[in-house]
Amino acid sequence: MTDLWQLRVQLLLSIQRALLGEVTPNIRVVTAQIDSSTITLRWLIDGEISENLRCDLSLVGTEVVADFAKHKIVEEFIRCDASHAMEEYFLDHVAYRRKE
């Protein structure tokens, strides 16, 4: 098993654990990527992105980065309503995708 594959599995499991109890109906997709120093989480949200939602989802990011001692977290919140295609916004890994 390669280190990169292991890191990917660890990242996806970490995100999915952190999402437990935090998924709201307006979250369309959570995608991620990781390199040697940074984890990027990209949230695609259906509708307006309130400051409260950003704060709540940032807690997920905090839980994820806590699992990776040498990494920093970058979070991107993108409004992508259900009428729009979302695949162009995907990062390397899809951790959550709602049924549409």
PDB file of N, CA and C in Angstrom:
ATOM      1  N   MET A   1       0.849  -1.171   0.000  1.00  0.00           N
ATOM      2  CA  MET A   1       0.000   0.000   0.000  1.00  0.00           C
ATOM      3  C   MET A   1       0.899   1.240   0.000  1.00  0.00           C
ATOM      4  N   THR A   2       0.674   2.170  -0.926  1.00  0.00           N
ATOM      5  CA  THR A   2       1.505   3.360  -1.016  1.00  0.00           C
ATOM      6  C   THR A   2       1.110   4.382   0.040  1.00  0.00           C
ATOM      7  N   ASP A   3       2.068   5.256   0.356  1.00  0.00           N
ATOM      8  CA  ASP A   3       1.796   6.310   1.338  1.00  0.00           C
ATOM      9  C   ASP A   3       0.684   7.238   0.868  1.00  0.00           C
ATOM     10  N   LEU A   4       0.666   7.561  -0.428  1.00  0.00           N
ATOM     11  CA  LEU A   4      -0.361   8.438  -0.971  1.00  0.00           C
ATOM     12  C   LEU A   4      -1.745   7.807  -0.848  1.00  0.00           C
ATOM     13  N   TRP A   5      -1.842   6.521  -1.139  1.00  0.00           N
ATOM     14  CA  TRP A   5      -3.117   5.830  -1.011  1.00  0.00           C
ATOM     15  C   TRP A   5      -3.559   5.811   0.448  1.00  0.00           C
ATOM     16  N   GLN A   6      -2.636   5.559   1.360  1.00  0.00           N
ATOM     17  CA  GLN A   6      -2.948   5.544   2.787  1.00  0.00           C
ATOM     18  C   GLN A   6      -3.432   6.908   3.257  1.00  0.00           C
ATOM     19  N   LEU A   7      -2.769   7.959   2.797  1.00  0.00           N
ATOM     20  CA  LEU A   7      -3.146   9.322   3.161  1.00  0.00           C
ATOM     21  C   LEU A   7      -4.552   9.643   2.656  1.00  0.00           C
ATOM     22  N   ARG A   8      -4.865   9.202   1.445  1.00  0.00           N
ATOM     23  CA  ARG A   8      -6.192   9.415   0.870  1.00  0.00           C
ATOM     24  C   ARG A   8      -7.259   8.722   1.708  1.00  0.00           C
ATOM     25  N   VAL A   9      -7.022   7.479   2.060  1.00  0.00           N
ATOM     26  CA  VAL A   9      -7.980   6.723   2.870  1.00  0.00           C
ATOM     27  C   VAL A   9      -8.153   7.395   4.234  1.00  0.00           C
ATOM     28  N   GLN A  10      -7.063   7.793   4.846  1.00  0.00           N
ATOM     29  CA  GLN A  10      -7.120   8.459   6.146  1.00  0.00           C
ATOM     30  C   GLN A  10      -7.914   9.761   6.049  1.00  0.00           C
ATOM     31  N   LEU A  11      -7.700  10.528   4.977  1.00  0.00           N
ATOM     32  CA  LEU A  11      -8.421  11.784   4.790  1.00  0.00           C
ATOM     33  C   LEU A  11      -9.916  11.539   4.640  1.00  0.00           C
ATOM     34  N   LEU A  12     -10.292  10.623   3.775  1.00  0.00           N
ATOM     35  CA  LEU A  12     -11.713  10.363   3.554  1.00  0.00           C
ATOM     36  C   LEU A  12     -12.409   9.854   4.815  1.00  0.00           C
ATOM     37  N   LEU A  13     -11.768   8.977   5.541  1.00  0.00           N
ATOM     38  CA  LEU A  13     -12.358   8.491   6.795  1.00  0.00           C
ATOM     39  C   LEU A  13     -12.489   9.610   7.821  1.00  0.00           C
ATOM     40  N   SER A  14     -11.490  10.478   7.883  1.00  0.00           N
ATOM     41  CA  SER A  14     -11.533  11.600   8.806  1.00  0.00           C
ATOM     42  C   SER A  14     -12.691  12.540   8.474  1.00  0.00           C
ATOM     43  N   ILE A  15     -12.852  12.859   7.201  1.00  0.00           N
ATOM     44  CA  ILE A  15     -13.943  13.751   6.788  1.00  0.00           C
ATOM     45  C   ILE A  15     -15.289  13.114   7.089  1.00  0.00           C
ATOM     46  N   GLN A  16     -15.445  11.850   6.748  1.00  0.00           N
ATOM     47  CA  GLN A  16     -16.726  11.193   6.966  1.00  0.00           C
ATOM     48  C   GLN A  16     -17.067  11.099   8.452  1.00  0.00           C
ATOM     49  N   ARG A  17     -16.071  10.878   9.282  1.00  0.00           N
ATOM     50  CA  ARG A  17     -16.305  10.864  10.734  1.00  0.00           C
ATOM     51  C   ARG A  17     -16.733  12.245  11.211  1.00  0.00           C
ATOM     52  N   ALA A  18     -16.030  13.278  10.748  1.00  0.00           N
ATOM     53  CA  ALA A  18     -16.330  14.641  11.166  1.00  0.00           C
ATOM     54  C   ALA A  18     -17.705  15.109  10.683  1.00  0.00           C
ATOM     55  N   LEU A  19     -18.184  14.549   9.583  1.00  0.00           N
ATOM     56  CA  LEU A  19     -19.495  14.920   9.038  1.00  0.00           C
ATOM     57  C   LEU A  19     -20.671  14.319   9.814  1.00  0.00           C
ATOM     58  N   LEU A  20     -20.421  13.305  10.621  1.00  0.00           N
ATOM     59  CA  LEU A  20     -21.519  12.664  11.348  1.00  0.00           C
ATOM     60  C   LEU A  20     -22.292  13.692  12.164  1.00  0.00           C
ATOM     61  N   GLY A  21     -23.574  13.794  11.899  1.00  0.00           N
ATOM     62  CA  GLY A  21     -24.438  14.722  12.617  1.00  0.00           C
ATOM     63  C   GLY A  21     -24.343  16.159  12.142  1.00  0.00           C
ATOM     64  N   GLU A  22     -23.559  16.434  11.116  1.00  0.00           N
ATOM     65  CA  GLU A  22     -23.359  17.803  10.636  1.00  0.00           C
ATOM     66  C   GLU A  22     -23.921  18.060   9.244  1.00  0.00           C
ATOM     67  N   VAL A  23     -24.361  17.023   8.540  1.00  0.00           N
ATOM     68  CA  VAL A  23     -24.847  17.186   7.168  1.00  0.00           C
ATOM     69  C   VAL A  23     -26.241  17.816   7.193  1.00  0.00           C
ATOM     70  N   THR A  24     -26.374  18.906   6.454  1.00  0.00           N
ATOM     71  CA  THR A  24     -27.663  19.578   6.319  1.00  0.00           C
ATOM     72  C   THR A  24     -28.159  19.394   4.884  1.00  0.00           C
ATOM     73  N   PRO A  25     -29.455  19.560   4.645  1.00  0.00           N
ATOM     74  CA  PRO A  25     -29.995  19.297   3.304  1.00  0.00           C
ATOM     75  C   PRO A  25     -29.399  20.173   2.194  1.00  0.00           C
ATOM     76  N   ASN A  26     -28.848  21.320   2.522  1.00  0.00           N
ATOM     77  CA  ASN A  26     -28.316  22.211   1.492  1.00  0.00           C
ATOM     78  C   ASN A  26     -26.884  21.893   1.072  1.00  0.00           C
ATOM     79  N   ILE A  27     -26.246  20.922   1.704  1.00  0.00           N
ATOM     80  CA  ILE A  27     -24.897  20.521   1.301  1.00  0.00           C
ATOM     81  C   ILE A  27     -25.026  19.554   0.123  1.00  0.00           C
ATOM     82  N   ARG A  28     -24.523  19.958  -1.031  1.00  0.00           N
ATOM     83  CA  ARG A  28     -24.588  19.091  -2.214  1.00  0.00           C
ATOM     84  C   ARG A  28     -23.406  18.139  -2.255  1.00  0.00           C
ATOM     85  N   VAL A  29     -22.215  18.657  -2.034  1.00  0.00           N
ATOM     86  CA  VAL A  29     -20.994  17.859  -2.151  1.00  0.00           C
ATOM     87  C   VAL A  29     -19.932  18.408  -1.202  1.00  0.00           C
ATOM     88  N   VAL A  30     -19.123  17.483  -0.686  1.00  0.00           N
ATOM     89  CA  VAL A  30     -17.896  17.852   0.016  1.00  0.00           C
ATOM     90  C   VAL A  30     -16.761  17.148  -0.717  1.00  0.00           C
ATOM     91  N   THR A  31     -15.856  17.925  -1.276  1.00  0.00           N
ATOM     92  CA  THR A  31     -14.696  17.353  -1.944  1.00  0.00           C
ATOM     93  C   THR A  31     -13.445  17.799  -1.223  1.00  0.00           C
ATOM     94  N   ALA A  32     -12.353  17.074  -1.460  1.00  0.00           N
ATOM     95  CA  ALA A  32     -11.127  17.373  -0.724  1.00  0.00           C
ATOM     96  C   ALA A  32      -9.902  17.022  -1.554  1.00  0.00           C
ATOM     97  N   GLN A  33      -8.801  17.607  -1.156  1.00  0.00           N
ATOM     98  CA  GLN A  33      -7.497  17.185  -1.664  1.00  0.00           C
ATOM     99  C   GLN A  33      -6.479  17.399  -0.565  1.00  0.00           C
ATOM    100  N   ILE A  34      -5.380  16.684  -0.674  1.00  0.00           N
ATOM    101  CA  ILE A  34      -4.330  16.743   0.336  1.00  0.00           C
ATOM    102  C   ILE A  34      -2.979  16.699  -0.359  1.00  0.00           C
ATOM    103  N   ASP A  35      -2.054  17.486   0.160  1.00  0.00           N
ATOM    104  CA  ASP A  35      -0.662  17.381  -0.282  1.00  0.00           C
ATOM    105  C   ASP A  35       0.201  17.304   0.971  1.00  0.00           C
ATOM    106  N   SER A  36       1.466  17.544   0.859  1.00  0.00           N
ATOM    107  CA  SER A  36       2.372  17.334   1.988  1.00  0.00           C
ATOM    108  C   SER A  36       2.139  18.280   3.157  1.00  0.00           C
ATOM    109  N   SER A  37       1.454  19.412   2.929  1.00  0.00           N
ATOM    110  CA  SER A  37       1.270  20.365   4.025  1.00  0.00           C
ATOM    111  C   SER A  37      -0.142  20.923   4.168  1.00  0.00           C
ATOM    112  N   THR A  38      -1.006  20.696   3.187  1.00  0.00           N
ATOM    113  CA  THR A  38      -2.315  21.349   3.189  1.00  0.00           C
ATOM    114  C   THR A  38      -3.434  20.374   2.851  1.00  0.00           C
ATOM    115  N   ILE A  39      -4.535  20.519   3.581  1.00  0.00           N
ATOM    116  CA  ILE A  39      -5.788  19.827   3.269  1.00  0.00           C
ATOM    117  C   ILE A  39      -6.758  20.903   2.805  1.00  0.00           C
ATOM    118  N   THR A  40      -7.358  20.683   1.654  1.00  0.00           N
ATOM    119  CA  THR A  40      -8.377  21.599   1.156  1.00  0.00           C
ATOM    120  C   THR A  40      -9.718  20.884   1.176  1.00  0.00           C
ATOM    121  N   LEU A  41     -10.692  21.516   1.825  1.00  0.00           N
ATOM    122  CA  LEU A  41     -12.075  21.033   1.813  1.00  0.00           C
ATOM    123  C   LEU A  41     -12.887  22.040   1.009  1.00  0.00           C
ATOM    124  N   ARG A  42     -13.617  21.549   0.037  1.00  0.00           N
ATOM    125  CA  ARG A  42     -14.480  22.414  -0.778  1.00  0.00           C
ATOM    126  C   ARG A  42     -15.917  21.959  -0.590  1.00  0.00           C
ATOM    127  N   TRP A  43     -16.728  22.883  -0.106  1.00  0.00           N
ATOM    128  CA  TRP A  43     -18.137  22.641   0.153  1.00  0.00           C
ATOM    129  C   TRP A  43     -18.946  23.264  -0.970  1.00  0.00           C
ATOM    130  N   LEU A  44     -19.808  22.502  -1.624  1.00  0.00           N
ATOM    131  CA  LEU A  44     -20.735  23.039  -2.610  1.00  0.00           C
ATOM    132  C   LEU A  44     -22.109  23.080  -1.953  1.00  0.00           C
ATOM    133  N   ILE A  45     -22.649  24.285  -1.851  1.00  0.00           N
ATOM    134  CA  ILE A  45     -23.861  24.530  -1.086  1.00  0.00           C
ATOM    135  C   ILE A  45     -24.984  24.973  -2.019  1.00  0.00           C
ATOM    136  N   ASP A  46     -26.158  24.421  -1.822  1.00  0.00           N
ATOM    137  CA  ASP A  46     -27.353  24.782  -2.562  1.00  0.00           C
ATOM    138  C   ASP A  46     -28.020  25.940  -1.822  1.00  0.00           C
ATOM    139  N   GLY A  47     -27.983  27.116  -2.415  1.00  0.00           N
ATOM    140  CA  GLY A  47     -28.591  28.289  -1.782  1.00  0.00           C
ATOM    141  C   GLY A  47     -27.566  29.166  -1.099  1.00  0.00           C
ATOM    142  N   GLU A  48     -28.101  30.159  -0.397  1.00  0.00           N
ATOM    143  CA  GLU A  48     -27.253  31.138   0.280  1.00  0.00           C
ATOM    144  C   GLU A  48     -26.394  30.471   1.359  1.00  0.00           C
ATOM    145  N   ILE A  49     -25.184  30.952   1.501  1.00  0.00           N
ATOM    146  CA  ILE A  49     -24.256  30.416   2.509  1.00  0.00           C
ATOM    147  C   ILE A  49     -24.185  31.419   3.653  1.00  0.00           C
ATOM    148  N   SER A  50     -24.900  31.119   4.719  1.00  0.00           N
ATOM    149  CA  SER A  50     -24.942  32.037   5.865  1.00  0.00           C
ATOM    150  C   SER A  50     -23.657  31.928   6.690  1.00  0.00           C
ATOM    151  N   GLU A  51     -23.415  32.934   7.475  1.00  0.00           N
ATOM    152  CA  GLU A  51     -22.249  32.920   8.362  1.00  0.00           C
ATOM    153  C   GLU A  51     -22.371  31.789   9.386  1.00  0.00           C
ATOM    154  N   ASN A  52     -23.586  31.505   9.839  1.00  0.00           N
ATOM    155  CA  ASN A  52     -23.797  30.397  10.786  1.00  0.00           C
ATOM    156  C   ASN A  52     -23.425  29.058  10.153  1.00  0.00           C
ATOM    157  N   LEU A  53     -23.805  28.863   8.889  1.00  0.00           N
ATOM    158  CA  LEU A  53     -23.460  27.625   8.199  1.00  0.00           C
ATOM    159  C   LEU A  53     -21.950  27.506   8.047  1.00  0.00           C
ATOM    160  N   ARG A  54     -21.295  28.592   7.671  1.00  0.00           N
ATOM    161  CA  ARG A  54     -19.823  28.580   7.551  1.00  0.00           C
ATOM    162  C   ARG A  54     -19.170  28.177   8.877  1.00  0.00           C
ATOM    163  N   CYS A  55     -19.656  28.750   9.954  1.00  0.00           N
ATOM    164  CA  CYS A  55     -19.096  28.421  11.278  1.00  0.00           C
ATOM    165  C   CYS A  55     -19.309  26.955  11.623  1.00  0.00           C
ATOM    166  N   ASP A  56     -20.521  26.453  11.371  1.00  0.00           N
ATOM    167  CA  ASP A  56     -20.815  25.053  11.662  1.00  0.00           C
ATOM    168  C   ASP A  56     -19.931  24.115  10.840  1.00  0.00           C
ATOM    169  N   LEU A  57     -19.783  24.406   9.557  1.00  0.00           N
ATOM    170  CA  LEU A  57     -18.978  23.539   8.694  1.00  0.00           C
ATOM    171  C   LEU A  57     -17.491  23.672   8.983  1.00  0.00           C
ATOM    172  N   SER A  58     -17.071  24.829   9.459  1.00  0.00           N
ATOM    173  CA  SER A  58     -15.667  24.993   9.835  1.00  0.00           C
ATOM    174  C   SER A  58     -15.289  24.092  11.006  1.00  0.00           C
ATOM    175  N   LEU A  59     -16.265  23.749  11.842  1.00  0.00           N
ATOM    176  CA  LEU A  59     -16.007  22.795  12.921  1.00  0.00           C
ATOM    177  C   LEU A  59     -15.629  21.434  12.357  1.00  0.00           C
ATOM    178  N   VAL A  60     -16.244  21.073  11.240  1.00  0.00           N
ATOM    179  CA  VAL A  60     -15.883  19.826  10.561  1.00  0.00           C
ATOM    180  C   VAL A  60     -14.427  19.898  10.123  1.00  0.00           C
ATOM    181  N   GLY A  61     -14.043  21.006   9.507  1.00  0.00           N
ATOM    182  CA  GLY A  61     -12.658  21.186   9.082  1.00  0.00           C
ATOM    183  C   GLY A  61     -11.676  21.120  10.240  1.00  0.00           C
ATOM    184  N   THR A  62     -12.053  21.679  11.369  1.00  0.00           N
ATOM    185  CA  THR A  62     -11.200  21.637  12.561  1.00  0.00           C
ATOM    186  C   THR A  62     -10.990  20.203  13.027  1.00  0.00           C
ATOM    187  N   GLU A  63     -12.059  19.410  13.010  1.00  0.00           N
ATOM    188  CA  GLU A  63     -11.934  18.008  13.405  1.00  0.00           C
ATOM    189  C   GLU A  63     -11.044  17.232  12.440  1.00  0.00           C
ATOM    190  N   VAL A  64     -11.160  17.542  11.154  1.00  0.00           N
ATOM    191  CA  VAL A  64     -10.349  16.851  10.155  1.00  0.00           C
ATOM    192  C   VAL A  64      -8.873  17.191  10.339  1.00  0.00           C
ATOM    193  N   VAL A  65      -8.549  18.453  10.420  1.00  0.00           N
ATOM    194  CA  VAL A  65      -7.136  18.841  10.508  1.00  0.00           C
ATOM    195  C   VAL A  65      -6.506  18.359  11.813  1.00  0.00           C
ATOM    196  N   ALA A  66      -7.304  18.146  12.832  1.00  0.00           N
ATOM    197  CA  ALA A  66      -6.778  17.618  14.101  1.00  0.00           C
ATOM    198  C   ALA A  66      -6.215  16.209  13.927  1.00  0.00           C
ATOM    199  N   ASP A  67      -6.666  15.509  12.889  1.00  0.00           N
ATOM    200  CA  ASP A  67      -6.157  14.161  12.611  1.00  0.00           C
ATOM    201  C   ASP A  67      -4.836  14.169  11.842  1.00  0.00           C
ATOM    202  N   PHE A  68      -4.392  15.348  11.416  1.00  0.00           N
ATOM    203  CA  PHE A  68      -3.186  15.472  10.586  1.00  0.00           C
ATOM    204  C   PHE A  68      -2.279  16.534  11.197  1.00  0.00           C
ATOM    205  N   ALA A  69      -1.333  16.091  12.001  1.00  0.00           N
ATOM    206  CA  ALA A  69      -0.500  17.002  12.791  1.00  0.00           C
ATOM    207  C   ALA A  69       0.335  17.970  11.951  1.00  0.00           C
ATOM    208  N   LYS A  70       0.723  17.589  10.757  1.00  0.00           N
ATOM    209  CA  LYS A  70       1.626  18.414   9.955  1.00  0.00           C
ATOM    210  C   LYS A  70       0.914  19.233   8.882  1.00  0.00           C
ATOM    211  N   HIS A  71      -0.394  19.257   8.895  1.00  0.00           N
ATOM    212  CA  HIS A  71      -1.148  19.921   7.837  1.00  0.00           C
ATOM    213  C   HIS A  71      -1.902  21.141   8.348  1.00  0.00           C
ATOM    214  N   LYS A  72      -2.141  22.075   7.438  1.00  0.00           N
ATOM    215  CA  LYS A  72      -3.064  23.176   7.705  1.00  0.00           C
ATOM    216  C   LYS A  72      -4.308  22.922   6.856  1.00  0.00           C
ATOM    217  N   ILE A  73      -5.400  23.614   7.192  1.00  0.00           N
ATOM    218  CA  ILE A  73      -6.661  23.406   6.480  1.00  0.00           C
ATOM    219  C   ILE A  73      -7.032  24.669   5.709  1.00  0.00           C
ATOM    220  N   VAL A  74      -7.534  24.464   4.511  1.00  0.00           N
ATOM    221  CA  VAL A  74      -8.100  25.535   3.693  1.00  0.00           C
ATOM    222  C   VAL A  74      -9.517  25.097   3.357  1.00  0.00           C
ATOM    223  N   GLU A  75     -10.480  25.961   3.624  1.00  0.00           N
ATOM    224  CA  GLU A  75     -11.868  25.624   3.336  1.00  0.00           C
ATOM    225  C   GLU A  75     -12.429  26.594   2.311  1.00  0.00           C
ATOM    226  N   GLU A  76     -13.141  26.056   1.345  1.00  0.00           N
ATOM    227  CA  GLU A  76     -13.764  26.853   0.301  1.00  0.00           C
ATOM    228  C   GLU A  76     -15.257  26.563   0.306  1.00  0.00           C
ATOM    229  N   PHE A  77     -16.056  27.614   0.391  1.00  0.00           N
ATOM    230  CA  PHE A  77     -17.507  27.487   0.387  1.00  0.00           C
ATOM    231  C   PHE A  77     -18.015  28.098  -0.917  1.00  0.00           C
ATOM    232  N   ILE A  78     -18.624  27.277  -1.747  1.00  0.00           N
ATOM    233  CA  ILE A  78     -19.073  27.720  -3.064  1.00  0.00           C
ATOM    234  C   ILE A  78     -20.576  27.492  -3.184  1.00  0.00           C
ATOM    235  N   ARG A  79     -21.267  28.556  -3.561  1.00  0.00           N
ATOM    236  CA  ARG A  79     -22.697  28.404  -3.839  1.00  0.00           C
ATOM    237  C   ARG A  79     -22.846  27.751  -5.200  1.00  0.00           C
ATOM    238  N   CYS A  80     -23.535  26.637  -5.218  1.00  0.00           N
ATOM    239  CA  CYS A  80     -23.778  25.899  -6.464  1.00  0.00           C
ATOM    240  C   CYS A  80     -25.182  25.305  -6.360  1.00  0.00           C
ATOM    241  N   ASP A  81     -26.144  26.083  -6.813  1.00  0.00           N
ATOM    242  CA  ASP A  81     -27.543  25.677  -6.687  1.00  0.00           C
ATOM    243  C   ASP A  81     -27.832  24.410  -7.486  1.00  0.00           C
ATOM    244  N   ALA A  82     -28.890  23.729  -7.103  1.00  0.00           N
ATOM    245  CA  ALA A  82     -29.222  22.425  -7.678  1.00  0.00           C
ATOM    246  C   ALA A  82     -29.402  22.465  -9.186  1.00  0.00           C
ATOM    247  N   SER A  83     -29.739  23.610  -9.729  1.00  0.00           N
ATOM    248  CA  SER A  83     -29.938  23.713 -11.175  1.00  0.00           C
ATOM    249  C   SER A  83     -28.618  23.773 -11.949  1.00  0.00           C
ATOM    250  N   HIS A  84     -27.485  23.860 -11.242  1.00  0.00           N
ATOM    251  CA  HIS A  84     -26.176  23.981 -11.888  1.00  0.00           C
ATOM    252  C   HIS A  84     -25.381  22.681 -11.752  1.00  0.00           C
ATOM    253  N   ALA A  85     -24.624  22.366 -12.792  1.00  0.00           N
ATOM    254  CA  ALA A  85     -23.706  21.219 -12.720  1.00  0.00           C
ATOM    255  C   ALA A  85     -22.616  21.534 -11.699  1.00  0.00           C
ATOM    256  N   MET A  86     -22.151  20.510 -11.013  1.00  0.00           N
ATOM    257  CA  MET A  86     -21.172  20.750  -9.950  1.00  0.00           C
ATOM    258  C   MET A  86     -19.821  20.093 -10.186  1.00  0.00           C
ATOM    259  N   GLU A  87     -19.733  19.203 -11.155  1.00  0.00           N
ATOM    260  CA  GLU A  87     -18.516  18.426 -11.339  1.00  0.00           C
ATOM    261  C   GLU A  87     -17.280  19.282 -11.607  1.00  0.00           C
ATOM    262  N   GLU A  88     -17.471  20.437 -12.209  1.00  0.00           N
ATOM    263  CA  GLU A  88     -16.324  21.308 -12.501  1.00  0.00           C
ATOM    264  C   GLU A  88     -15.640  21.819 -11.234  1.00  0.00           C
ATOM    265  N   TYR A  89     -16.330  21.762 -10.117  1.00  0.00           N
ATOM    266  CA  TYR A  89     -15.780  22.241  -8.850  1.00  0.00           C
ATOM    267  C   TYR A  89     -15.112  21.147  -8.024  1.00  0.00           C
ATOM    268  N   PHE A  90     -15.198  19.907  -8.475  1.00  0.00           N
ATOM    269  CA  PHE A  90     -14.679  18.798  -7.680  1.00  0.00           C
ATOM    270  C   PHE A  90     -13.160  18.889  -7.531  1.00  0.00           C
ATOM    271  N   LEU A  91     -12.691  18.539  -6.346  1.00  0.00           N
ATOM    272  CA  LEU A  91     -11.262  18.343  -6.099  1.00  0.00           C
ATOM    273  C   LEU A  91     -10.952  16.863  -6.305  1.00  0.00           C
ATOM    274  N   ASP A  92      -9.817  16.404  -5.827  1.00  0.00           N
ATOM    275  CA  ASP A  92      -9.370  15.031  -6.071  1.00  0.00           C
ATOM    276  C   ASP A  92     -10.291  13.951  -5.511  1.00  0.00           C
ATOM    277  N   HIS A  93     -10.879  14.210  -4.346  1.00  0.00           N
ATOM    278  CA  HIS A  93     -11.636  13.171  -3.640  1.00  0.00           C
ATOM    279  C   HIS A  93     -13.023  13.686  -3.242  1.00  0.00           C
ATOM    280  N   VAL A  94     -14.028  12.864  -3.446  1.00  0.00           N
ATOM    281  CA  VAL A  94     -15.393  13.188  -3.027  1.00  0.00           C
ATOM    282  C   VAL A  94     -15.658  12.439  -1.723  1.00  0.00           C
ATOM    283  N   ALA A  95     -15.929  13.197  -0.663  1.00  0.00           N
ATOM    284  CA  ALA A  95     -16.186  12.588   0.645  1.00  0.00           C
ATOM    285  C   ALA A  95     -17.672  12.437   0.925  1.00  0.00           C
ATOM    286  N   TYR A  96     -18.477  13.311   0.320  1.00  0.00           N
ATOM    287  CA  TYR A  96     -19.925  13.257   0.515  1.00  0.00           C
ATOM    288  C   TYR A  96     -20.578  13.822  -0.735  1.00  0.00           C
ATOM    289  N   ARG A  97     -21.676  13.207  -1.161  1.00  0.00           N
ATOM    290  CA  ARG A  97     -22.466  13.711  -2.284  1.00  0.00           C
ATOM    291  C   ARG A  97     -23.917  13.328  -2.038  1.00  0.00           C
ATOM    292  N   ARG A  98     -24.777  14.335  -2.023  1.00  0.00           N
ATOM    293  CA  ARG A  98     -26.197  14.038  -1.795  1.00  0.00           C
ATOM    294  C   ARG A  98     -26.822  13.467  -3.067  1.00  0.00           C
ATOM    295  N   LYS A  99     -27.905  12.752  -2.886  1.00  0.00           N
ATOM    296  CA  LYS A  99     -28.654  12.208  -4.022  1.00  0.00           C
ATOM    297  C   LYS A  99     -29.488  13.323  -4.646  1.00  0.00           C
ATOM    298  N   GLU A 100     -29.378  13.430  -5.967  1.00  0.00           N
ATOM    299  CA  GLU A 100     -30.160  14.460  -6.672  1.00  0.00           C
ATOM    300  C   GLU A 100     -30.888  13.838  -7.829  1.00  0.00           C
TER     301      GLU A 100
END
